[in-house]
């Protein structure tokens, strides 16, 4: 099998290279031209024919070398690969190396499987762009600023993606380029100077009371565990991927807590969630007396079981519910978590407490959910704070 580092079926004579020739002057020199992948220009390569005792043998060696070089050039070989080693790695090899690194991180529990799926999707789209635009990308070095700008324009304009999606792909290009820099493939990040597009402030769609009641009444008619899935999101702020991984042993009903171990938590840390009293009886009944190794929400209708629940199952069930209730698309499943956080803050629970329950790394994230008051606030009026004492009054 031909080495992928040297294979290039589209090598064109006099465009990508000029064949080798023997120059018989004072010195015997073999001269040929090959395109430098950095400058994209043909560069002359000179190779001295070693002196031999027999002139006939020396000429035979020279001619053999010329033929060998031309065969390799026609097959896609580049002398720059041999000169610079891994610096001139092919684009496909760079992609494979990056994915191998992420797969190892997932295996070592450093990265999440979702991360691998996302990066795989990003790379597939990147390769789709190369194919669709019929770009002759061979070396990873060709991942330059012009390539990045055009790719992002393709994402945003031609594919009619949102500014946020375009920015996400820019973030991936930065990450992928940093990986290549760390391995000596690139000298500088080609995304430098490419700015994120400005975004409107993300408006979190909190469910109005009427919508909450409509959803609740519908969920109460279900004979599966989807009601409990939704309430675990609203009351305990458990993320979708975590819902599919928690097991019976994660629950401690003596202390009314849920232990989210680092193997399944988003930030790879052991964390504990409090079960609110309003949700306690519901989750107790759902968990029941099932074995400790059962998934709390399995693939069997969200009931406890041994078969792991696919994450997409939650989204599909929510879409079916929303369609039946004829709710607008703005009411997403993650809105249950947003609504729960907002309701907790508006009930007067300190933001620091809500932060811990939501497992936010920064209280600023939690405070994004707090709604500004535009009317009288009894909490402010009755707050027990003073500035000095009125001695005259005493």
Protein backbone atom coordinates (compact mmCIF):
# COMPACT_ATOMS: atom_id res chain seq x y z
CA UNK A 1 0.00 0.00 0.00
CA UNK A 2 1.32 3.43 -0.89
CA UNK A 3 2.27 5.69 1.98
CA UNK A 4 -0.55 8.25 2.45
CA UNK A 5 2.09 10.89 3.12
CA UNK A 6 3.29 10.69 -0.47
CA UNK A 7 0.12 9.79 -2.33
CA UNK A 8 -1.37 12.47 -4.48
CA UNK A 9 -3.20 11.28 -7.57
CA UNK A 10 -3.71 14.80 -8.87
CA UNK A 11 -0.01 15.65 -9.27
CA UNK A 12 0.30 17.62 -12.51
CA UNK A 13 3.55 17.83 -14.47
CA UNK A 14 4.98 21.37 -14.85
CA UNK A 15 2.37 22.62 -12.34
CA UNK A 16 3.19 20.63 -9.20
CA UNK A 17 6.65 19.53 -10.40
CA UNK A 18 9.14 19.53 -13.27
CA UNK A 19 10.82 16.20 -14.05
CA UNK A 20 14.37 15.48 -13.02
CA UNK A 21 17.18 15.93 -15.54
CA UNK A 22 20.88 15.13 -15.47
CA UNK A 23 23.16 18.16 -16.00
CA UNK A 24 26.68 17.13 -17.12
CA UNK A 25 28.87 20.14 -16.39
CA UNK A 26 31.91 20.46 -14.20
CA UNK A 27 29.79 18.69 -11.60
CA UNK A 28 27.22 16.04 -12.36
CA UNK A 29 23.96 17.42 -11.00
CA UNK A 30 20.40 16.07 -11.11
CA UNK A 31 17.95 18.99 -11.17
CA UNK A 32 14.17 18.89 -10.70
CA UNK A 33 11.45 21.19 -9.39
CA UNK A 34 8.77 20.53 -6.80
CA UNK A 35 6.07 22.74 -5.34
CA UNK A 36 6.77 24.03 -1.84
CA UNK A 37 3.53 23.58 0.15
CA UNK A 38 4.17 26.80 2.09
CA UNK A 39 4.91 29.21 -0.76
CA UNK A 40 2.88 27.18 -3.27
CA UNK A 41 5.67 27.84 -5.78
CA UNK A 42 7.97 25.50 -7.66
CA UNK A 43 11.44 25.31 -6.10
CA UNK A 44 14.54 23.88 -7.69
CA UNK A 45 16.07 20.82 -6.06
CA UNK A 46 19.70 19.92 -6.84
CA UNK A 47 21.18 16.50 -6.19
CA UNK A 48 24.89 15.82 -6.77
CA UNK A 49 25.80 12.49 -8.42
CA UNK A 50 28.55 10.85 -6.38
CA UNK A 51 31.92 10.25 -8.07
CA UNK A 52 32.68 6.62 -8.99
CA UNK A 53 35.81 4.99 -10.37
CA UNK A 54 33.91 3.93 -13.47
CA UNK A 55 32.36 6.70 -15.56
CA UNK A 56 29.98 4.14 -17.04
CA UNK A 57 28.79 3.07 -13.60
CA UNK A 58 28.41 6.71 -12.55
CA UNK A 59 26.25 7.46 -15.63
CA UNK A 60 24.18 4.35 -15.00
CA UNK A 61 23.62 5.44 -11.37
CA UNK A 62 22.67 8.95 -12.48
CA UNK A 63 20.13 7.74 -15.04
CA UNK A 64 18.65 5.26 -12.58
CA UNK A 65 18.28 8.06 -9.99
CA UNK A 66 16.58 10.37 -12.53
CA UNK A 67 14.05 7.66 -13.44
CA UNK A 68 13.39 6.83 -9.78
CA UNK A 69 12.81 10.49 -8.86
CA UNK A 70 10.42 11.02 -11.78
CA UNK A 71 8.42 7.92 -10.93
CA UNK A 72 8.05 9.15 -7.35
CA UNK A 73 7.14 12.68 -8.46
CA UNK A 74 4.46 11.35 -10.80
CA UNK A 75 3.05 9.24 -7.94
CA UNK A 76 2.68 12.28 -5.72
CA UNK A 77 5.91 12.25 -3.74
CA UNK A 78 7.34 15.52 -2.41
CA UNK A 79 10.96 16.00 -1.31
CA UNK A 80 9.76 18.44 1.34
CA UNK A 81 8.28 15.57 3.31
CA UNK A 82 11.69 13.97 3.71
CA UNK A 83 13.37 17.29 4.45
CA UNK A 84 11.03 18.39 7.20
CA UNK A 85 9.68 15.14 8.64
CA UNK A 86 6.32 15.48 10.37
CA UNK A 87 6.17 19.24 9.67
CA UNK A 88 4.77 18.39 6.24
CA UNK A 89 2.16 15.99 7.51
CA UNK A 90 -0.79 15.43 5.23
CA UNK A 91 -4.10 16.99 6.13
CA UNK A 92 -5.75 13.58 6.52
CA UNK A 93 -2.98 12.34 8.82
CA UNK A 94 -3.38 15.46 10.96
CA UNK A 95 -7.12 14.76 11.26
CA UNK A 96 -6.45 11.12 12.20
CA UNK A 97 -3.87 12.13 14.82
CA UNK A 98 -6.25 14.65 16.37
CA UNK A 99 -9.08 12.11 16.63
CA UNK A 100 -6.72 9.49 18.06
CA UNK A 101 -5.72 11.97 20.77
CA UNK A 102 -9.35 12.73 21.67
CA UNK A 103 -10.27 9.02 21.68
CA UNK A 104 -7.44 8.34 24.14
CA UNK A 105 -8.67 11.20 26.34
CA UNK A 106 -12.16 9.71 26.33
CA UNK A 107 -10.71 6.31 27.23
CA UNK A 108 -8.77 7.90 30.11
CA UNK A 109 -11.94 9.76 31.21
CA UNK A 110 -10.32 13.13 30.54
CA UNK A 111 -12.75 14.03 27.77
CA UNK A 112 -16.42 13.10 27.36
CA UNK A 113 -17.81 10.90 24.55
CA UNK A 114 -19.98 13.89 23.57
CA UNK A 115 -16.79 15.88 22.98
CA UNK A 116 -15.52 13.23 20.57
CA UNK A 117 -18.84 13.18 18.71
CA UNK A 118 -18.81 16.97 18.40
CA UNK A 119 -15.22 17.13 17.13
CA UNK A 120 -15.89 14.28 14.73
CA UNK A 121 -18.87 16.20 13.36
CA UNK A 122 -16.76 19.36 12.99
CA UNK A 123 -14.06 17.50 11.07
CA UNK A 124 -16.61 15.80 8.82
CA UNK A 125 -18.01 19.20 7.92
CA UNK A 126 -14.50 20.56 7.32
CA UNK A 127 -13.79 17.68 4.93
CA UNK A 128 -17.17 18.17 3.26
CA UNK A 129 -16.17 21.77 2.56
CA UNK A 130 -12.87 20.67 1.01
CA UNK A 131 -14.68 18.14 -1.18
CA UNK A 132 -17.53 20.46 -2.16
CA UNK A 133 -15.19 23.27 -3.13
CA UNK A 134 -12.85 20.83 -4.89
CA UNK A 135 -9.86 22.13 -2.96
CA UNK A 136 -6.62 20.33 -3.57
CA UNK A 137 -5.62 20.17 0.10
CA UNK A 138 -2.73 17.79 0.68
CA UNK A 139 -0.64 19.11 3.55
CA UNK A 140 -1.91 20.28 6.91
CA UNK A 141 0.20 23.39 6.33
CA UNK A 142 -2.41 24.47 3.80
CA UNK A 143 -4.77 25.13 6.70
CA UNK A 144 -3.97 28.84 6.51
CA UNK A 145 -5.89 32.01 7.36
CA UNK A 146 -7.42 32.31 3.90
CA UNK A 147 -8.73 28.75 4.16
CA UNK A 148 -10.22 29.45 7.60
CA UNK A 149 -11.94 32.68 6.50
CA UNK A 150 -13.46 31.04 3.43
CA UNK A 151 -14.59 28.03 5.44
CA UNK A 152 -16.33 30.22 8.03
CA UNK A 153 -18.02 32.19 5.23
CA UNK A 154 -19.23 28.89 3.80
CA UNK A 155 -20.64 27.92 7.19
CA UNK A 156 -22.33 31.25 7.83
CA UNK A 157 -23.41 32.44 4.38
CA UNK A 158 -23.79 29.44 2.11
CA UNK A 159 -25.12 27.06 4.76
CA UNK A 160 -27.16 29.89 6.33
CA UNK A 161 -26.00 29.03 9.84
CA UNK A 162 -26.41 31.32 12.81
CA UNK A 163 -23.63 33.61 14.10
CA UNK A 164 -23.35 31.35 17.15
CA UNK A 165 -22.79 28.28 14.95
CA UNK A 166 -20.18 30.17 12.93
CA UNK A 167 -18.41 31.17 16.16
CA UNK A 168 -18.49 27.56 17.39
CA UNK A 169 -16.72 26.42 14.23
CA UNK A 170 -14.16 29.19 14.66
CA UNK A 171 -13.55 27.90 18.16
CA UNK A 172 -12.96 24.42 16.80
CA UNK A 173 -10.52 25.72 14.17
CA UNK A 174 -8.58 27.44 16.96
CA UNK A 175 -8.47 24.22 18.95
CA UNK A 176 -7.45 22.05 15.99
CA UNK A 177 -4.77 24.54 14.96
CA UNK A 178 -3.38 24.66 18.51
CA UNK A 179 -3.13 20.87 18.43
CA UNK A 180 -1.12 21.06 15.19
CA UNK A 181 1.13 23.79 16.60
CA UNK A 182 1.85 21.63 19.63
CA UNK A 183 3.05 18.86 17.33
CA UNK A 184 5.22 21.03 15.12
CA UNK A 185 2.91 20.83 12.11
CA UNK A 186 2.01 24.54 12.13
CA UNK A 187 4.20 27.44 13.21
CA UNK A 188 1.36 29.81 14.07
CA UNK A 189 -2.38 29.67 14.54
CA UNK A 190 -4.11 30.59 11.23
CA UNK A 191 -7.17 31.83 13.13
CA UNK A 192 -5.28 34.74 14.69
CA UNK A 193 -7.07 37.97 13.84
CA UNK A 194 -10.33 36.23 12.95
CA UNK A 195 -12.89 37.60 15.38
CA UNK A 196 -16.08 36.11 16.72
CA UNK A 197 -19.27 37.62 15.39
CA UNK A 198 -21.22 39.70 17.88
CA UNK A 199 -24.19 37.91 19.35
CA UNK A 200 -27.36 39.19 20.88
CA UNK A 201 -27.60 38.42 24.56
CA UNK A 202 -28.87 34.88 24.92
CA UNK A 203 -32.42 35.12 26.13
CA UNK A 204 -33.26 32.16 28.29
CA UNK A 205 -36.85 31.15 27.73
CA UNK A 206 -38.35 30.59 31.16
CA UNK A 207 -41.68 28.78 31.11
CA UNK A 208 -44.66 30.95 32.10
CA UNK A 209 -46.98 29.51 34.77
CA UNK A 210 -49.62 28.64 32.20
CA UNK A 211 -47.11 26.66 30.12
CA UNK A 212 -45.76 24.92 33.22
CA UNK A 213 -49.26 23.86 34.22
CA UNK A 214 -50.09 22.59 30.71
CA UNK A 215 -46.90 20.51 30.61
CA UNK A 216 -47.48 19.18 34.13
CA UNK A 217 -51.01 18.03 33.36
CA UNK A 218 -49.82 16.24 30.24
CA UNK A 219 -46.93 14.54 32.04
CA UNK A 220 -49.27 13.24 34.73
CA UNK A 221 -51.08 11.18 32.08
CA UNK A 222 -47.88 9.30 31.14
CA UNK A 223 -47.36 5.77 32.43
CA UNK A 224 -43.61 5.85 31.87
CA UNK A 225 -40.75 7.61 33.64
CA UNK A 226 -40.61 10.71 31.46
CA UNK A 227 -42.42 12.82 34.07
CA UNK A 228 -39.64 11.98 36.54
CA UNK A 229 -36.97 12.81 33.94
CA UNK A 230 -38.50 16.26 33.47
CA UNK A 231 -38.85 16.91 37.19
CA UNK A 232 -35.25 15.79 37.83
CA UNK A 233 -34.24 18.49 35.36
CA UNK A 234 -36.49 21.15 36.89
CA UNK A 235 -35.79 20.45 40.58
CA UNK A 236 -32.23 19.07 40.51
CA UNK A 237 -30.82 20.66 37.35
CA UNK A 238 -29.37 17.35 36.15
CA UNK A 239 -27.98 17.56 32.63
CA UNK A 240 -29.25 15.38 29.78
CA UNK A 241 -26.10 13.27 29.46
CA UNK A 242 -26.02 12.73 33.23
CA UNK A 243 -29.66 11.62 33.31
CA UNK A 244 -28.76 8.69 31.09
CA UNK A 245 -25.85 7.64 33.30
CA UNK A 246 -27.01 7.94 36.92
CA UNK A 247 -27.75 4.66 38.68
CA UNK A 248 -29.71 3.65 41.73
CA UNK A 249 -26.58 3.67 43.89
CA UNK A 250 -26.16 7.41 43.20
CA UNK A 251 -29.20 8.14 45.38
CA UNK A 252 -28.98 8.51 49.16
CA UNK A 253 -32.49 8.79 50.55
CA UNK A 254 -31.21 8.93 54.12
CA UNK A 255 -29.69 12.31 53.34
CA UNK A 256 -32.00 13.12 50.41
CA UNK A 257 -29.12 13.67 47.99
CA UNK A 258 -27.96 12.54 44.55
CA UNK A 259 -24.25 11.91 44.13
CA UNK A 260 -23.00 12.81 40.65
CA UNK A 261 -19.65 11.05 40.41
CA UNK A 262 -16.82 12.49 38.37
CA UNK A 263 -17.11 9.73 35.78
CA UNK A 264 -20.46 11.13 34.61
CA UNK A 265 -20.40 14.82 35.62
CA UNK A 266 -19.69 17.45 32.98
CA UNK A 267 -16.75 19.03 34.81
CA UNK A 268 -15.26 15.68 35.89
CA UNK A 269 -15.71 16.39 39.59
CA UNK A 270 -17.63 14.54 42.30
CA UNK A 271 -20.69 16.63 43.13
CA UNK A 272 -23.75 16.32 45.36
CA UNK A 273 -27.26 17.54 44.63
CA UNK A 274 -30.02 18.11 47.16
CA UNK A 275 -33.41 16.55 46.42
CA UNK A 276 -36.09 19.19 47.15
CA UNK A 277 -38.98 17.98 49.31
CA UNK A 278 -41.47 18.63 46.46
CA UNK A 279 -39.65 16.04 44.33
CA UNK A 280 -38.66 13.54 47.01
CA UNK A 281 -41.72 11.25 46.94
CA UNK A 282 -41.76 11.22 43.14
CA UNK A 283 -38.14 10.11 42.77
CA UNK A 284 -38.39 7.63 45.65
CA UNK A 285 -41.34 5.93 44.00
CA UNK A 286 -39.53 5.92 40.66
CA UNK A 287 -36.32 4.38 42.03
CA UNK A 288 -38.21 1.87 44.18
CA UNK A 289 -36.35 -1.22 45.36
CA UNK A 290 -34.38 -1.73 42.15
CA UNK A 291 -30.80 -3.10 42.26
CA UNK A 292 -28.02 -0.56 42.80
CA UNK A 293 -26.51 -1.15 39.34
CA UNK A 294 -29.75 -0.31 37.49
CA UNK A 295 -29.85 2.88 35.46
CA UNK A 296 -32.46 5.15 37.04
CA UNK A 297 -33.61 6.18 33.57
CA UNK A 298 -33.06 3.31 31.15
CA UNK A 299 -33.96 2.84 27.51
CA UNK A 300 -37.11 1.02 28.67
CA UNK A 301 -39.57 3.94 28.73
CA UNK A 302 -37.30 5.93 31.10
CA UNK A 303 -37.94 3.37 33.86
CA UNK A 304 -35.12 1.85 35.96
CA UNK A 305 -33.31 -0.89 34.07
CA UNK A 306 -30.03 -2.41 32.92
CA UNK A 307 -30.00 -0.97 29.40
CA UNK A 308 -28.53 2.52 29.11
CA UNK A 309 -30.80 5.26 27.76
CA UNK A 310 -29.65 7.03 24.57
CA UNK A 311 -29.45 10.78 25.17
CA UNK A 312 -31.48 11.48 22.04
CA UNK A 313 -34.43 9.61 23.57
CA UNK A 314 -35.11 12.57 25.87
CA UNK A 315 -35.17 15.06 23.00
CA UNK A 316 -37.51 12.86 20.95
CA UNK A 317 -39.95 12.47 23.84
CA UNK A 318 -39.92 16.22 24.50
CA UNK A 319 -40.58 17.05 20.86
CA UNK A 320 -43.54 14.65 20.86
CA UNK A 321 -44.94 16.30 23.99
CA UNK A 322 -44.47 19.79 22.60
CA UNK A 323 -46.11 18.86 19.30
CA UNK A 324 -49.10 17.35 21.07
CA UNK A 325 -49.55 20.45 23.25
CA UNK A 326 -48.88 22.72 20.25
CA UNK A 327 -46.22 24.62 22.18
CA UNK A 328 -43.84 26.98 20.40
CA UNK A 329 -40.34 25.72 19.58
CA UNK A 330 -38.88 28.25 22.03
CA UNK A 331 -39.90 25.90 24.85
CA UNK A 332 -36.93 23.55 24.76
CA UNK A 333 -36.23 20.69 27.18
CA UNK A 334 -33.29 22.56 28.71
CA UNK A 335 -35.81 25.29 29.54
CA UNK A 336 -36.95 23.09 32.44
CA UNK A 337 -33.55 23.64 34.07
CA UNK A 338 -33.59 27.37 33.28
CA UNK A 339 -37.08 27.66 34.74
CA UNK A 340 -36.13 25.74 37.87
CA UNK A 341 -33.11 27.97 38.52
CA UNK A 342 -35.12 31.13 37.88
CA UNK A 343 -37.98 29.99 40.15
CA UNK A 344 -35.53 29.15 42.93
CA UNK A 345 -33.84 32.55 42.71
CA UNK A 346 -37.18 34.39 42.60
CA UNK A 347 -38.34 32.46 45.68
CA UNK A 348 -35.61 34.18 47.67
CA UNK A 349 -33.04 31.38 47.85
CA UNK A 350 -29.56 32.98 47.90
CA UNK A 351 -27.75 32.85 44.57
CA UNK A 352 -24.78 31.09 46.18
CA UNK A 353 -27.07 28.22 47.20
CA UNK A 354 -28.60 28.02 43.75
CA UNK A 355 -25.11 28.05 42.24
CA UNK A 356 -24.16 24.96 44.26
CA UNK A 357 -27.36 23.12 43.36
CA UNK A 358 -26.90 23.97 39.65
CA UNK A 359 -23.17 23.14 39.92
CA UNK A 360 -22.12 26.33 38.17
CA UNK A 361 -18.41 27.08 38.43
CA UNK A 362 -19.09 30.82 38.72
CA UNK A 363 -21.95 32.61 40.45
CA UNK A 364 -22.11 34.99 37.46
CA UNK A 365 -23.58 32.14 35.45
CA UNK A 366 -26.26 31.63 38.07
CA UNK A 367 -27.05 35.34 38.23
CA UNK A 368 -27.79 35.33 34.49
CA UNK A 369 -31.09 33.67 35.40
CA UNK A 370 -32.10 36.30 37.95
CA UNK A 371 -34.77 38.62 36.59
CA UNK A 372 -34.56 42.32 37.40
CA UNK A 373 -37.46 43.71 39.41
CA UNK A 374 -39.47 46.51 37.86
CA UNK A 375 -41.77 46.98 40.85
CA UNK A 376 -41.89 46.93 44.66
CA UNK A 377 -39.67 44.29 46.33
CA UNK A 378 -40.55 43.27 49.89
CA UNK A 379 -37.21 41.48 50.35
CA UNK A 380 -35.40 44.79 49.86
CA UNK A 381 -37.80 46.74 52.06
CA UNK A 382 -37.49 44.32 54.98
CA UNK A 383 -33.77 43.59 54.69
CA UNK A 384 -32.09 43.78 58.13
CA UNK A 385 -29.33 46.25 57.30
CA UNK A 386 -28.38 49.55 59.01
CA UNK A 387 -25.91 52.40 58.64
CA UNK A 388 -25.30 53.89 62.10
CA UNK A 389 -27.75 54.27 65.02
CA UNK A 390 -30.23 57.07 65.60
CA UNK A 391 -29.28 58.08 69.20
CA UNK A 392 -31.95 60.77 69.37
CA UNK A 393 -34.61 58.17 68.78
CA UNK A 394 -33.39 56.27 71.83
